[in-house]
PDB file of N, CA and C in Angstrom:
ATOM      1  N   MET A   1       1.062  -0.933   0.065  1.00  0.00           N
ATOM      2  CA  MET A   1       0.198  -0.111   0.018  1.00  0.00           C
ATOM      3  C   MET A   1       0.788   1.515  -0.051  1.00  0.00           C
ATOM      4  N   HIS A   2       0.624   2.183  -0.991  1.00  0.00           N
ATOM      5  CA  HIS A   2       1.055   3.317  -0.792  1.00  0.00           C
ATOM      6  C   HIS A   2       1.398   4.037   0.416  1.00  0.00           C
ATOM      7  N   PRO A   3       2.695   4.599   1.131  1.00  0.00           N
ATOM      8  CA  PRO A   3       2.686   5.342   2.393  1.00  0.00           C
ATOM      9  C   PRO A   3       1.703   6.612   2.597  1.00  0.00           C
ATOM     10  N   PHE A   4       1.523   7.231   1.365  1.00  0.00           N
ATOM     11  CA  PHE A   4       0.627   8.355   1.839  1.00  0.00           C
ATOM     12  C   PHE A   4      -0.833   8.072   2.072  1.00  0.00           C
ATOM     13  N   LEU A   5      -1.327   6.952   1.325  1.00  0.00           N
ATOM     14  CA  LEU A   5      -2.053   6.203   2.059  1.00  0.00           C
ATOM     15  C   LEU A   5      -2.675   5.663   3.292  1.00  0.00           C
ATOM     16  N   LEU A   6      -1.406   4.959   3.695  1.00  0.00           N
ATOM     17  CA  LEU A   6      -1.416   4.583   5.015  1.00  0.00           C
ATOM     18  C   LEU A   6      -1.550   5.758   6.361  1.00  0.00           C
ATOM     19  N   VAL A   7      -0.760   6.609   5.544  1.00  0.00           N
ATOM     20  CA  VAL A   7      -0.632   7.748   6.532  1.00  0.00           C
ATOM     21  C   VAL A   7      -2.310   8.274   6.797  1.00  0.00           C
ATOM     22  N   PHE A   8      -2.954   8.463   5.442  1.00  0.00           N
ATOM     23  CA  PHE A   8      -4.174   9.262   5.444  1.00  0.00           C
ATOM     24  C   PHE A   8      -5.208   8.301   6.112  1.00  0.00           C
ATOM     25  N   LEU A   9      -5.019   6.942   5.921  1.00  0.00           N
ATOM     26  CA  LEU A   9      -6.059   5.750   6.630  1.00  0.00           C
ATOM     27  C   LEU A   9      -5.645   6.281   8.595  1.00  0.00           C
ATOM     28  N   GLY A  10      -4.562   5.697   8.529  1.00  0.00           N
ATOM     29  CA  GLY A  10      -4.373   6.181  10.133  1.00  0.00           C
ATOM     30  C   GLY A  10      -4.501   7.356  10.669  1.00  0.00           C
ATOM     31  N   GLY A  11      -4.579   8.342   9.980  1.00  0.00           N
ATOM     32  CA  GLY A  11      -4.544   9.871  10.548  1.00  0.00           C
ATOM     33  C   GLY A  11      -6.050  10.040  10.611  1.00  0.00           C
ATOM     34  N   GLY A  12      -6.824   9.384   9.685  1.00  0.00           N
ATOM     35  CA  GLY A  12      -8.338   9.604  10.023  1.00  0.00           C
ATOM     36  C   GLY A  12      -8.967   8.799  11.252  1.00  0.00           C
ATOM     37  N   LEU A  13      -8.151   7.627  11.431  1.00  0.00           N
ATOM     38  CA  LEU A  13      -8.873   6.571  12.313  1.00  0.00           C
ATOM     39  C   LEU A  13      -8.128   7.619  13.698  1.00  0.00           C
ATOM     40  N   GLY A  14      -6.986   7.896  13.538  1.00  0.00           N
ATOM     41  CA  GLY A  14      -6.604   8.921  14.925  1.00  0.00           C
ATOM     42  C   GLY A  14      -7.642  10.231  15.247  1.00  0.00           C
ATOM     43  N   ALA A  15      -7.897  10.496  14.310  1.00  0.00           N
ATOM     44  CA  ALA A  15      -8.575  11.886  14.424  1.00  0.00           C
ATOM     45  C   ALA A  15     -10.165  11.522  14.868  1.00  0.00           C
ATOM     46  N   VAL A  16     -10.821  10.420  14.564  1.00  0.00           N
ATOM     47  CA  VAL A  16     -11.957   9.767  14.911  1.00  0.00           C
ATOM     48  C   VAL A  16     -11.875   9.677  16.479  1.00  0.00           C
ATOM     49  N   LEU A  17     -10.771   9.170  16.872  1.00  0.00           N
ATOM     50  CA  LEU A  17     -10.204   8.783  18.068  1.00  0.00           C
ATOM     51  C   LEU A  17     -10.532   9.649  19.191  1.00  0.00           C
ATOM     52  N   ARG A  18      -9.480  11.093  18.691  1.00  0.00           N
ATOM     53  CA  ARG A  18      -9.311  11.950  19.235  1.00  0.00           C
ATOM     54  C   ARG A  18     -10.981  12.775  19.552  1.00  0.00           C
ATOM     55  N   HIS A  19     -11.144  12.598  18.368  1.00  0.00           N
ATOM     56  CA  HIS A  19     -12.858  13.665  18.912  1.00  0.00           C
ATOM     57  C   HIS A  19     -13.838  12.772  19.992  1.00  0.00           C
ATOM     58  N   GLY A  20     -13.635  11.382  19.913  1.00  0.00           N
ATOM     59  CA  GLY A  20     -14.215  10.739  20.774  1.00  0.00           C
ATOM     60  C   GLY A  20     -13.808  11.115  21.998  1.00  0.00           C
ATOM     61  N   ALA A  21     -12.771  11.173  22.552  1.00  0.00           N
ATOM     62  CA  ALA A  21     -11.889  11.141  23.816  1.00  0.00           C
ATOM     63  C   ALA A  21     -12.446  12.177  23.703  1.00  0.00           C
ATOM     64  N   GLY A  22     -12.493  13.642  23.131  1.00  0.00           N
ATOM     65  CA  GLY A  22     -13.164  15.040  23.423  1.00  0.00           C
ATOM     66  C   GLY A  22     -14.139  15.036  24.007  1.00  0.00           C
ATOM     67  N   VAL A  23     -15.020  13.975  23.439  1.00  0.00           N
ATOM     68  CA  VAL A  23     -16.903  14.178  23.660  1.00  0.00           C
ATOM     69  C   VAL A  23     -16.937  13.479  24.904  1.00  0.00           C
ATOM     70  N   ILE A  24     -16.340  12.466  25.165  1.00  0.00           N
ATOM     71  CA  ILE A  24     -16.276  11.761  26.520  1.00  0.00           C
ATOM     72  C   ILE A  24     -15.870  12.504  27.377  1.00  0.00           C
ATOM     73  N   ALA A  25     -14.995  13.181  27.278  1.00  0.00           N
ATOM     74  CA  ALA A  25     -14.215  14.088  28.714  1.00  0.00           C
ATOM     75  C   ALA A  25     -15.026  15.199  28.822  1.00  0.00           C
ATOM     76  N   VAL A  26     -15.899  16.039  27.590  1.00  0.00           N
ATOM     77  CA  VAL A  26     -16.568  17.270  27.830  1.00  0.00           C
ATOM     78  C   VAL A  26     -18.060  16.360  28.530  1.00  0.00           C
ATOM     79  N   ARG A  27     -18.592  15.645  27.999  1.00  0.00           N
ATOM     80  CA  ARG A  27     -19.621  14.816  28.895  1.00  0.00           C
ATOM     81  C   ARG A  27     -19.155  14.636  30.459  1.00  0.00           C
ATOM     82  N   ALA A  28     -18.065  13.760  30.406  1.00  0.00           N
ATOM     83  CA  ALA A  28     -17.880  13.423  31.730  1.00  0.00           C
ATOM     84  C   ALA A  28     -17.509  14.608  33.111  1.00  0.00           C
ATOM     85  N   LEU A  29     -16.610  15.853  32.558  1.00  0.00           N
ATOM     86  CA  LEU A  29     -15.940  16.549  33.011  1.00  0.00           C
ATOM     87  C   LEU A  29     -16.336  17.623  32.726  1.00  0.00           C
ATOM     88  N   GLY A  30     -17.118  18.191  31.810  1.00  0.00           N
ATOM     89  CA  GLY A  30     -17.272  19.527  31.391  1.00  0.00           C
ATOM     90  C   GLY A  30     -16.339  20.229  30.650  1.00  0.00           C
ATOM     91  N   THR A  31     -16.710  21.262  30.743  1.00  0.00           N
ATOM     92  CA  THR A  31     -15.765  22.561  29.606  1.00  0.00           C
ATOM     93  C   THR A  31     -14.841  23.543  30.414  1.00  0.00           C
ATOM     94  N   GLN A  32     -14.808  23.347  31.557  1.00  0.00           N
ATOM     95  CA  GLN A  32     -13.910  24.142  32.609  1.00  0.00           C
ATOM     96  C   GLN A  32     -12.577  23.848  32.313  1.00  0.00           C
ATOM     97  N   PHE A  33     -12.033  22.936  31.788  1.00  0.00           N
ATOM     98  CA  PHE A  33     -10.680  22.739  31.680  1.00  0.00           C
ATOM     99  C   PHE A  33     -10.653  21.850  30.159  1.00  0.00           C
ATOM    100  N   PRO A  34      -9.423  21.911  29.538  1.00  0.00           N
ATOM    101  CA  PRO A  34      -9.359  20.947  28.155  1.00  0.00           C
ATOM    102  C   PRO A  34      -9.217  19.515  28.667  1.00  0.00           C
ATOM    103  N   TYR A  35      -9.671  19.012  29.430  1.00  0.00           N
ATOM    104  CA  TYR A  35      -9.387  17.632  29.748  1.00  0.00           C
ATOM    105  C   TYR A  35      -9.109  16.430  28.895  1.00  0.00           C
ATOM    106  N   GLY A  36     -10.091  16.722  27.862  1.00  0.00           N
ATOM    107  CA  GLY A  36      -9.987  15.715  26.827  1.00  0.00           C
ATOM    108  C   GLY A  36      -8.630  15.866  25.629  1.00  0.00           C
ATOM    109  N   THR A  37      -8.212  16.927  25.798  1.00  0.00           N
ATOM    110  CA  THR A  37      -7.019  17.277  25.176  1.00  0.00           C
ATOM    111  C   THR A  37      -5.730  16.843  25.883  1.00  0.00           C
ATOM    112  N   LEU A  38      -5.852  17.297  27.170  1.00  0.00           N
ATOM    113  CA  LEU A  38      -4.499  17.062  27.863  1.00  0.00           C
ATOM    114  C   LEU A  38      -4.441  15.307  28.045  1.00  0.00           C
ATOM    115  N   ALA A  39      -5.594  14.360  28.142  1.00  0.00           N
ATOM    116  CA  ALA A  39      -5.484  13.011  28.157  1.00  0.00           C
ATOM    117  C   ALA A  39      -5.160  12.444  26.854  1.00  0.00           C
ATOM    118  N   VAL A  40      -5.647  13.358  25.649  1.00  0.00           N
ATOM    119  CA  VAL A  40      -5.407  12.623  24.377  1.00  0.00           C
ATOM    120  C   VAL A  40      -3.426  13.309  24.293  1.00  0.00           C
ATOM    121  N   ASN A  41      -3.406  13.956  24.525  1.00  0.00           N
ATOM    122  CA  ASN A  41      -1.993  14.386  24.532  1.00  0.00           C
ATOM    123  C   ASN A  41      -0.943  13.531  25.514  1.00  0.00           C
ATOM    124  N   VAL A  42      -1.355  13.045  26.577  1.00  0.00           N
ATOM    125  CA  VAL A  42      -0.832  12.172  27.534  1.00  0.00           C
ATOM    126  C   VAL A  42      -0.481  10.654  27.097  1.00  0.00           C
ATOM    127  N   VAL A  43      -1.732  10.313  26.438  1.00  0.00           N
ATOM    128  CA  VAL A  43      -1.874   8.789  25.793  1.00  0.00           C
ATOM    129  C   VAL A  43      -1.203   8.844  24.686  1.00  0.00           C
ATOM    130  N   GLY A  44      -1.333   9.477  23.624  1.00  0.00           N
ATOM    131  CA  GLY A  44      -0.747   9.895  22.655  1.00  0.00           C
ATOM    132  C   GLY A  44       1.116   9.794  22.777  1.00  0.00           C
ATOM    133  N   ALA A  45       1.595  10.475  23.963  1.00  0.00           N
ATOM    134  CA  ALA A  45       2.667  10.546  24.103  1.00  0.00           C
ATOM    135  C   ALA A  45       3.535   9.138  24.738  1.00  0.00           C
ATOM    136  N   LEU A  46       2.350   8.119  25.663  1.00  0.00           N
ATOM    137  CA  LEU A  46       2.512   7.413  26.202  1.00  0.00           C
ATOM    138  C   LEU A  46       2.886   5.923  25.072  1.00  0.00           C
ATOM    139  N   VAL A  47       1.891   6.235  24.291  1.00  0.00           N
ATOM    140  CA  VAL A  47       1.739   5.042  23.193  1.00  0.00           C
ATOM    141  C   VAL A  47       3.299   5.264  22.390  1.00  0.00           C
ATOM    142  N   MET A  48       3.200   6.833  22.030  1.00  0.00           N
ATOM    143  CA  MET A  48       4.663   6.855  20.784  1.00  0.00           C
ATOM    144  C   MET A  48       5.790   6.439  21.748  1.00  0.00           C
ATOM    145  N   GLY A  49       6.022   6.761  23.064  1.00  0.00           N
ATOM    146  CA  GLY A  49       7.335   6.009  23.557  1.00  0.00           C
ATOM    147  C   GLY A  49       7.261   4.605  23.186  1.00  0.00           C
ATOM    148  N   ALA A  50       6.310   3.795  23.715  1.00  0.00           N
ATOM    149  CA  ALA A  50       6.002   2.616  23.960  1.00  0.00           C
ATOM    150  C   ALA A  50       6.604   2.063  22.442  1.00  0.00           C
ATOM    151  N   ALA A  51       5.648   2.788  21.340  1.00  0.00           N
ATOM    152  CA  ALA A  51       5.867   2.008  19.971  1.00  0.00           C
ATOM    153  C   ALA A  51       7.572   2.311  19.686  1.00  0.00           C
ATOM    154  N   VAL A  52       8.021   3.494  19.690  1.00  0.00           N
ATOM    155  CA  VAL A  52       9.472   3.982  19.181  1.00  0.00           C
ATOM    156  C   VAL A  52      10.288   2.905  19.995  1.00  0.00           C
ATOM    157  N   ALA A  53      10.103   2.981  21.291  1.00  0.00           N
ATOM    158  CA  ALA A  53      10.819   1.788  22.246  1.00  0.00           C
ATOM    159  C   ALA A  53      10.807   0.219  21.602  1.00  0.00           C
ATOM    160  N   TRP A  54       9.420  -0.100  21.146  1.00  0.00           N
ATOM    161  CA  TRP A  54       9.659  -1.616  20.908  1.00  0.00           C
ATOM    162  C   TRP A  54      10.070  -1.677  19.416  1.00  0.00           C
ATOM    163  N   PHE A  55       9.867  -0.846  18.478  1.00  0.00           N
ATOM    164  CA  PHE A  55      10.365  -0.889  17.301  1.00  0.00           C
ATOM    165  C   PHE A  55      11.873  -0.876  17.197  1.00  0.00           C
ATOM    166  N   GLY A  56      12.433  -0.264  18.225  1.00  0.00           N
ATOM    167  CA  GLY A  56      13.783  -0.166  18.592  1.00  0.00           C
ATOM    168  C   GLY A  56      14.534  -1.250  18.826  1.00  0.00           C
ATOM    169  N   ALA A  57      13.813  -1.701  19.773  1.00  0.00           N
ATOM    170  CA  ALA A  57      14.295  -3.284  20.548  1.00  0.00           C
ATOM    171  C   ALA A  57      14.192  -4.155  19.822  1.00  0.00           C
ATOM    172  N   ARG A  58      13.069  -4.255  19.023  1.00  0.00           N
ATOM    173  CA  ARG A  58      12.458  -5.490  18.053  1.00  0.00           C
ATOM    174  C   ARG A  58      12.236  -5.654  17.115  1.00  0.00           C
ATOM    175  N   GLY A  59      12.088  -4.299  16.362  1.00  0.00           N
ATOM    176  CA  GLY A  59      12.075  -4.217  14.897  1.00  0.00           C
ATOM    177  C   GLY A  59      10.900  -4.977  13.907  1.00  0.00           C
ATOM    178  N   GLU A  60      10.168  -5.820  15.113  1.00  0.00           N
ATOM    179  CA  GLU A  60       9.195  -6.651  14.449  1.00  0.00           C
ATOM    180  C   GLU A  60       8.374  -6.011  13.384  1.00  0.00           C
ATOM    181  N   LEU A  61       7.833  -4.948  13.711  1.00  0.00           N
ATOM    182  CA  LEU A  61       6.771  -4.413  12.459  1.00  0.00           C
ATOM    183  C   LEU A  61       7.404  -4.164  11.275  1.00  0.00           C
ATOM    184  N   SER A  62       6.681  -4.303  10.028  1.00  0.00           N
ATOM    185  CA  SER A  62       7.134  -3.571   9.055  1.00  0.00           C
ATOM    186  C   SER A  62       7.019  -2.097   8.878  1.00  0.00           C
ATOM    187  N   SER A  63       7.913  -1.815   7.943  1.00  0.00           N
ATOM    188  CA  SER A  63       7.794   0.021   7.703  1.00  0.00           C
ATOM    189  C   SER A  63       6.567   0.445   7.574  1.00  0.00           C
ATOM    190  N   PRO A  64       5.616  -0.114   6.937  1.00  0.00           N
ATOM    191  CA  PRO A  64       4.442   0.745   6.275  1.00  0.00           C
ATOM    192  C   PRO A  64       3.525   0.212   7.407  1.00  0.00           C
ATOM    193  N   LEU A  65       3.754  -0.703   8.364  1.00  0.00           N
ATOM    194  CA  LEU A  65       2.798  -0.656   9.704  1.00  0.00           C
ATOM    195  C   LEU A  65       3.340   0.451  10.376  1.00  0.00           C
ATOM    196  N   ARG A  66       4.837   0.755  10.857  1.00  0.00           N
ATOM    197  CA  ARG A  66       5.207   1.605  11.578  1.00  0.00           C
ATOM    198  C   ARG A  66       4.763   3.278  11.220  1.00  0.00           C
ATOM    199  N   LEU A  67       4.682   3.473   9.872  1.00  0.00           N
ATOM    200  CA  LEU A  67       4.091   4.644   9.424  1.00  0.00           C
ATOM    201  C   LEU A  67       2.818   4.570   9.690  1.00  0.00           C
ATOM    202  N   PHE A  68       2.267   3.691   9.560  1.00  0.00           N
ATOM    203  CA  PHE A  68       0.801   3.665   9.541  1.00  0.00           C
ATOM    204  C   PHE A  68       0.563   4.288  11.289  1.00  0.00           C
ATOM    205  N   LEU A  69       1.074   3.637  12.058  1.00  0.00           N
ATOM    206  CA  LEU A  69       0.783   3.809  13.619  1.00  0.00           C
ATOM    207  C   LEU A  69       1.751   4.973  14.137  1.00  0.00           C
ATOM    208  N   THR A  70       2.212   5.203  13.492  1.00  0.00           N
ATOM    209  CA  THR A  70       3.276   6.477  14.556  1.00  0.00           C
ATOM    210  C   THR A  70       2.643   7.818  13.763  1.00  0.00           C
ATOM    211  N   THR A  71       3.126   7.784  12.197  1.00  0.00           N
ATOM    212  CA  THR A  71       2.821   9.244  11.396  1.00  0.00           C
ATOM    213  C   THR A  71       1.265   9.180  11.155  1.00  0.00           C
ATOM    214  N   GLY A  72       0.390   8.307  11.238  1.00  0.00           N
ATOM    215  CA  GLY A  72      -0.576   8.226  10.680  1.00  0.00           C
ATOM    216  C   GLY A  72      -1.739   8.047  11.936  1.00  0.00           C
ATOM    217  N   LEU A  73      -1.958   7.043  12.573  1.00  0.00           N
ATOM    218  CA  LEU A  73      -2.692   6.953  13.699  1.00  0.00           C
ATOM    219  C   LEU A  73      -2.313   8.038  14.737  1.00  0.00           C
ATOM    220  N   LEU A  74      -1.012   7.950  15.590  1.00  0.00           N
ATOM    221  CA  LEU A  74      -0.584   8.771  16.838  1.00  0.00           C
ATOM    222  C   LEU A  74      -0.652  10.052  15.786  1.00  0.00           C
ATOM    223  N   GLY A  75      -0.332  10.371  14.853  1.00  0.00           N
ATOM    224  CA  GLY A  75      -0.371  11.979  14.208  1.00  0.00           C
ATOM    225  C   GLY A  75      -1.606  12.282  14.231  1.00  0.00           C
ATOM    226  N   GLY A  76      -2.371  11.913  13.692  1.00  0.00           N
ATOM    227  CA  GLY A  76      -3.864  11.830  13.741  1.00  0.00           C
ATOM    228  C   GLY A  76      -4.637  12.298  15.134  1.00  0.00           C
ATOM    229  N   PHE A  77      -4.194  11.404  15.902  1.00  0.00           N
ATOM    230  CA  PHE A  77      -4.737  11.209  17.540  1.00  0.00           C
ATOM    231  C   PHE A  77      -4.225  12.614  17.908  1.00  0.00           C
ATOM    232  N   THR A  78      -2.882  12.621  18.352  1.00  0.00           N
ATOM    233  CA  THR A  78      -1.955  14.181  18.346  1.00  0.00           C
ATOM    234  C   THR A  78      -0.675  14.193  18.252  1.00  0.00           C
ATOM    235  N   THR A  79      -0.793  15.578  17.117  1.00  0.00           N
ATOM    236  CA  THR A  79       0.453  15.918  16.597  1.00  0.00           C
ATOM    237  C   THR A  79       1.556  16.042  18.249  1.00  0.00           C
ATOM    238  N   PHE A  80       1.253  16.176  19.584  1.00  0.00           N
ATOM    239  CA  PHE A  80       1.820  15.895  20.400  1.00  0.00           C
ATOM    240  C   PHE A  80       2.996  15.226  21.060  1.00  0.00           C
ATOM    241  N   SER A  81       2.326  14.035  20.668  1.00  0.00           N
ATOM    242  CA  SER A  81       3.415  12.723  20.489  1.00  0.00           C
ATOM    243  C   SER A  81       4.494  13.101  19.586  1.00  0.00           C
ATOM    244  N   ALA A  82       4.558  13.333  18.972  1.00  0.00           N
ATOM    245  CA  ALA A  82       5.618  13.365  17.706  1.00  0.00           C
ATOM    246  C   ALA A  82       6.357  14.828  18.388  1.00  0.00           C
ATOM    247  N   PHE A  83       5.689  15.597  18.493  1.00  0.00           N
ATOM    248  CA  PHE A  83       6.623  16.883  19.313  1.00  0.00           C
ATOM    249  C   PHE A  83       7.219  16.640  20.466  1.00  0.00           C
ATOM    250  N   SER A  84       6.689  15.644  21.408  1.00  0.00           N
ATOM    251  CA  SER A  84       7.304  15.052  22.640  1.00  0.00           C
ATOM    252  C   SER A  84       8.301  14.015  22.349  1.00  0.00           C
ATOM    253  N   LEU A  85       8.336  13.149  20.979  1.00  0.00           N
ATOM    254  CA  LEU A  85       9.421  12.208  20.636  1.00  0.00           C
ATOM    255  C   LEU A  85      10.503  12.986  20.076  1.00  0.00           C
ATOM    256  N   GLU A  86      10.421  14.104  19.459  1.00  0.00           N
ATOM    257  CA  GLU A  86      11.086  14.997  18.625  1.00  0.00           C
ATOM    258  C   GLU A  86      12.234  15.801  19.903  1.00  0.00           C
ATOM    259  N   THR A  87      11.616  16.149  20.876  1.00  0.00           N
ATOM    260  CA  THR A  87      11.891  16.507  21.993  1.00  0.00           C
ATOM    261  C   THR A  87      13.306  16.085  22.779  1.00  0.00           C
ATOM    262  N   VAL A  88      12.848  14.822  23.169  1.00  0.00           N
ATOM    263  CA  VAL A  88      13.456  13.453  23.904  1.00  0.00           C
ATOM    264  C   VAL A  88      14.760  13.096  22.733  1.00  0.00           C
ATOM    265  N   LEU A  89      14.433  13.152  21.640  1.00  0.00           N
ATOM    266  CA  LEU A  89      15.359  12.581  20.723  1.00  0.00           C
ATOM    267  C   LEU A  89      16.905  13.810  20.485  1.00  0.00           C
ATOM    268  N   LEU A  90      16.409  14.810  20.299  1.00  0.00           N
ATOM    269  CA  LEU A  90      17.302  15.966  20.408  1.00  0.00           C
ATOM    270  C   LEU A  90      18.172  15.662  21.931  1.00  0.00           C
ATOM    271  N   TYR A  91      17.192  15.508  22.905  1.00  0.00           N
ATOM    272  CA  TYR A  91      18.018  15.310  24.632  1.00  0.00           C
ATOM    273  C   TYR A  91      18.640  14.382  24.308  1.00  0.00           C
ATOM    274  N   GLU A  92      18.044  13.175  23.962  1.00  0.00           N
ATOM    275  CA  GLU A  92      19.111  11.828  24.023  1.00  0.00           C
ATOM    276  C   GLU A  92      20.802  12.053  23.119  1.00  0.00           C
ATOM    277  N   ARG A  93      20.385  13.073  22.187  1.00  0.00           N
ATOM    278  CA  ARG A  93      21.644  13.362  20.914  1.00  0.00           C
ATOM    279  C   ARG A  93      22.548  14.287  22.035  1.00  0.00           C
ATOM    280  N   GLY A  94      22.165  14.450  22.840  1.00  0.00           N
ATOM    281  CA  GLY A  94      23.174  15.776  23.912  1.00  0.00           C
ATOM    282  C   GLY A  94      22.857  16.817  23.322  1.00  0.00           C
ATOM    283  N   GLN A  95      21.515  17.265  22.638  1.00  0.00           N
ATOM    284  CA  GLN A  95      21.675  18.890  22.653  1.00  0.00           C
ATOM    285  C   GLN A  95      20.205  19.293  23.380  1.00  0.00           C
ATOM    286  N   ALA A  96      20.680  19.255  24.839  1.00  0.00           N
ATOM    287  CA  ALA A  96      19.411  19.598  25.473  1.00  0.00           C
ATOM    288  C   ALA A  96      19.035  21.048  25.562  1.00  0.00           C
ATOM    289  N   GLY A  97      20.111  21.948  25.285  1.00  0.00           N
ATOM    290  CA  GLY A  97      19.946  23.462  24.837  1.00  0.00           C
ATOM    291  C   GLY A  97      18.783  23.381  23.631  1.00  0.00           C
ATOM    292  N   LEU A  98      18.762  22.646  22.751  1.00  0.00           N
ATOM    293  CA  LEU A  98      18.178  22.626  21.554  1.00  0.00           C
ATOM    294  C   LEU A  98      16.649  21.926  21.734  1.00  0.00           C
ATOM    295  N   ALA A  99      16.858  21.171  22.848  1.00  0.00           N
ATOM    296  CA  ALA A  99      15.330  20.388  23.009  1.00  0.00           C
ATOM    297  C   ALA A  99      14.626  21.712  23.598  1.00  0.00           C
ATOM    298  N   LEU A 100      15.536  22.172  24.901  1.00  0.00           N
ATOM    299  CA  LEU A 100      14.665  23.492  25.549  1.00  0.00           C
ATOM    300  C   LEU A 100      14.246  24.444  24.630  1.00  0.00           C
ATOM    301  N   LEU A 101      15.469  24.707  23.692  1.00  0.00           N
ATOM    302  CA  LEU A 101      14.708  25.731  22.523  1.00  0.00           C
ATOM    303  C   LEU A 101      13.720  25.520  21.670  1.00  0.00           C
ATOM    304  N   TYR A 102      13.269  23.979  21.478  1.00  0.00           N
ATOM    305  CA  TYR A 102      12.337  23.512  20.509  1.00  0.00           C
ATOM    306  C   TYR A 102      11.095  23.493  21.273  1.00  0.00           C
ATOM    307  N   VAL A 103      11.234  23.355  22.682  1.00  0.00           N
ATOM    308  CA  VAL A 103       9.871  23.344  23.348  1.00  0.00           C
ATOM    309  C   VAL A 103       9.392  25.020  23.742  1.00  0.00           C
ATOM    310  N   LEU A 104      10.396  25.422  23.573  1.00  0.00           N
ATOM    311  CA  LEU A 104      10.033  26.821  24.240  1.00  0.00           C
ATOM    312  C   LEU A 104       9.406  27.567  23.045  1.00  0.00           C
ATOM    313  N   ALA A 105      10.087  27.636  22.061  1.00  0.00           N
ATOM    314  CA  ALA A 105       9.874  27.761  20.478  1.00  0.00           C
ATOM    315  C   ALA A 105       8.552  27.472  20.299  1.00  0.00           C
ATOM    316  N   SER A 106       7.911  26.261  20.362  1.00  0.00           N
ATOM    317  CA  SER A 106       7.267  25.809  19.760  1.00  0.00           C
ATOM    318  C   SER A 106       5.881  26.082  20.687  1.00  0.00           C
ATOM    319  N   VAL A 107       6.079  26.304  21.775  1.00  0.00           N
ATOM    320  CA  VAL A 107       4.565  26.835  22.771  1.00  0.00           C
ATOM    321  C   VAL A 107       4.529  28.499  22.392  1.00  0.00           C
ATOM    322  N   VAL A 108       5.758  28.808  22.620  1.00  0.00           N
ATOM    323  CA  VAL A 108       5.360  30.399  22.597  1.00  0.00           C
ATOM    324  C   VAL A 108       5.242  30.533  21.103  1.00  0.00           C
ATOM    325  N   VAL A 109       5.768  30.450  19.918  1.00  0.00           N
ATOM    326  CA  VAL A 109       5.615  30.903  18.774  1.00  0.00           C
ATOM    327  C   VAL A 109       4.064  30.275  18.171  1.00  0.00           C
ATOM    328  N   CYS A 110       3.767  28.911  18.661  1.00  0.00           N
ATOM    329  CA  CYS A 110       2.292  28.533  17.751  1.00  0.00           C
ATOM    330  C   CYS A 110       1.068  29.093  18.618  1.00  0.00           C
ATOM    331  N   VAL A 111       1.519  29.627  20.170  1.00  0.00           N
ATOM    332  CA  VAL A 111       0.412  30.413  20.730  1.00  0.00           C
ATOM    333  C   VAL A 111       0.376  31.846  20.021  1.00  0.00           C
ATOM    334  N   GLY A 112       1.255  32.342  20.051  1.00  0.00           N
ATOM    335  CA  GLY A 112       1.555  33.666  19.069  1.00  0.00           C
ATOM    336  C   GLY A 112       0.832  33.408  17.901  1.00  0.00           C
ATOM    337  N   ALA A 113       1.256  32.795  16.769  1.00  0.00           N
ATOM    338  CA  ALA A 113       0.768  32.215  15.861  1.00  0.00           C
ATOM    339  C   ALA A 113      -0.558  32.038  15.634  1.00  0.00           C
ATOM    340  N   LEU A 114      -1.291  31.538  16.802  1.00  0.00           N
ATOM    341  CA  LEU A 114      -2.314  31.548  16.700  1.00  0.00           C
ATOM    342  C   LEU A 114      -3.387  32.627  16.856  1.00  0.00           C
ATOM    343  N   VAL A 115      -3.036  33.393  17.816  1.00  0.00           N
ATOM    344  CA  VAL A 115      -3.448  34.913  18.319  1.00  0.00           C
ATOM    345  C   VAL A 115      -3.283  35.861  17.048  1.00  0.00           C
ATOM    346  N   ALA A 116      -2.342  35.804  16.313  1.00  0.00           N
ATOM    347  CA  ALA A 116      -2.304  36.408  15.251  1.00  0.00           C
ATOM    348  C   ALA A 116      -2.922  36.170  14.206  1.00  0.00           C
ATOM    349  N   GLY A 117      -3.471  34.570  13.723  1.00  0.00           N
ATOM    350  CA  GLY A 117      -4.390  34.517  13.357  1.00  0.00           C
ATOM    351  C   GLY A 117      -5.870  34.961  13.562  1.00  0.00           C
ATOM    352  N   MET A 118      -6.258  34.939  14.821  1.00  0.00           N
ATOM    353  CA  MET A 118      -7.412  35.223  15.187  1.00  0.00           C
ATOM    354  C   MET A 118      -7.386  36.977  14.950  1.00  0.00           C
ATOM    355  N   ALA A 119      -6.604  37.535  14.988  1.00  0.00           N
ATOM    356  CA  ALA A 119      -6.709  39.022  14.806  1.00  0.00           C
ATOM    357  C   ALA A 119      -6.466  39.314  13.456  1.00  0.00           C
ATOM    358  N   LEU A 120      -5.997  38.531  12.521  1.00  0.00           N
ATOM    359  CA  LEU A 120      -6.197  38.896  11.361  1.00  0.00           C
ATOM    360  C   LEU A 120      -7.502  38.664  10.970  1.00  0.00           C
ATOM    361  N   VAL A 121      -8.203  37.608  11.271  1.00  0.00           N
ATOM    362  CA  VAL A 121      -9.477  37.267  10.894  1.00  0.00           C
ATOM    363  C   VAL A 121     -10.487  38.413  11.518  1.00  0.00           C
ATOM    364  N   LYS A 122     -10.176  38.731  12.581  1.00  0.00           N
ATOM    365  CA  LYS A 122     -11.314  39.589  13.142  1.00  0.00           C
ATOM    366  C   LYS A 122     -10.701  41.283  12.842  1.00  0.00           C
ATOM    367  N   ALA A 123      -9.886  41.315  12.253  1.00  0.00           N
ATOM    368  CA  ALA A 123      -9.543  42.758  11.600  1.00  0.00           C
ATOM    369  C   ALA A 123      -9.720  42.583  10.015  1.00  0.00           C
ATOM    370  N   LEU A 124     -10.652  41.624   9.548  1.00  0.00           N
ATOM    371  CA  LEU A 124     -11.152  41.692   8.214  1.00  0.00           C
ATOM    372  C   LEU A 124     -12.587  42.427   8.247  1.00  0.00           C
ATOM    373  N   PRO A 125     -13.093  43.051   7.129  1.00  0.00           N
ATOM    374  CA  PRO A 125     -13.993  43.527   7.159  1.00  0.00           C
ATOM    375  C   PRO A 125     -15.319  42.611   7.122  1.00  0.00           C
ATOM    376  N   ALA A 126     -16.541  42.854   7.813  1.00  0.00           N
ATOM    377  CA  ALA A 126     -17.441  42.148   7.982  1.00  0.00           C
ATOM    378  C   ALA A 126     -18.316  41.693   6.675  1.00  0.00           C
TER     379      ALA A 126
END
């Protein structure tokens, strides 16, 4: 199967799972805090860590299945899992300063970009 199709299918499934988790969290815990997003990010990071360690230690899954699970399913479920993996890989390569810069830049720049995008749309004529 073509790699883009694998990512597409896994990503769609991951997005559906993310939406379901959000709905469950809102129904169970309300909307005062983004519990669903936090839960998805934690679970996604946990599963990404387990998957990467499993593939690294055993290498038993085929490359297409790894692509489906990590980039597709987990990428659709939460990109925070990829962000977390990239941060840890930088740290493990002895680039702790770069890992910290990546974390700070990702959070500050992404939140800033969101605010800028909102401001741009609000400035448009009605």
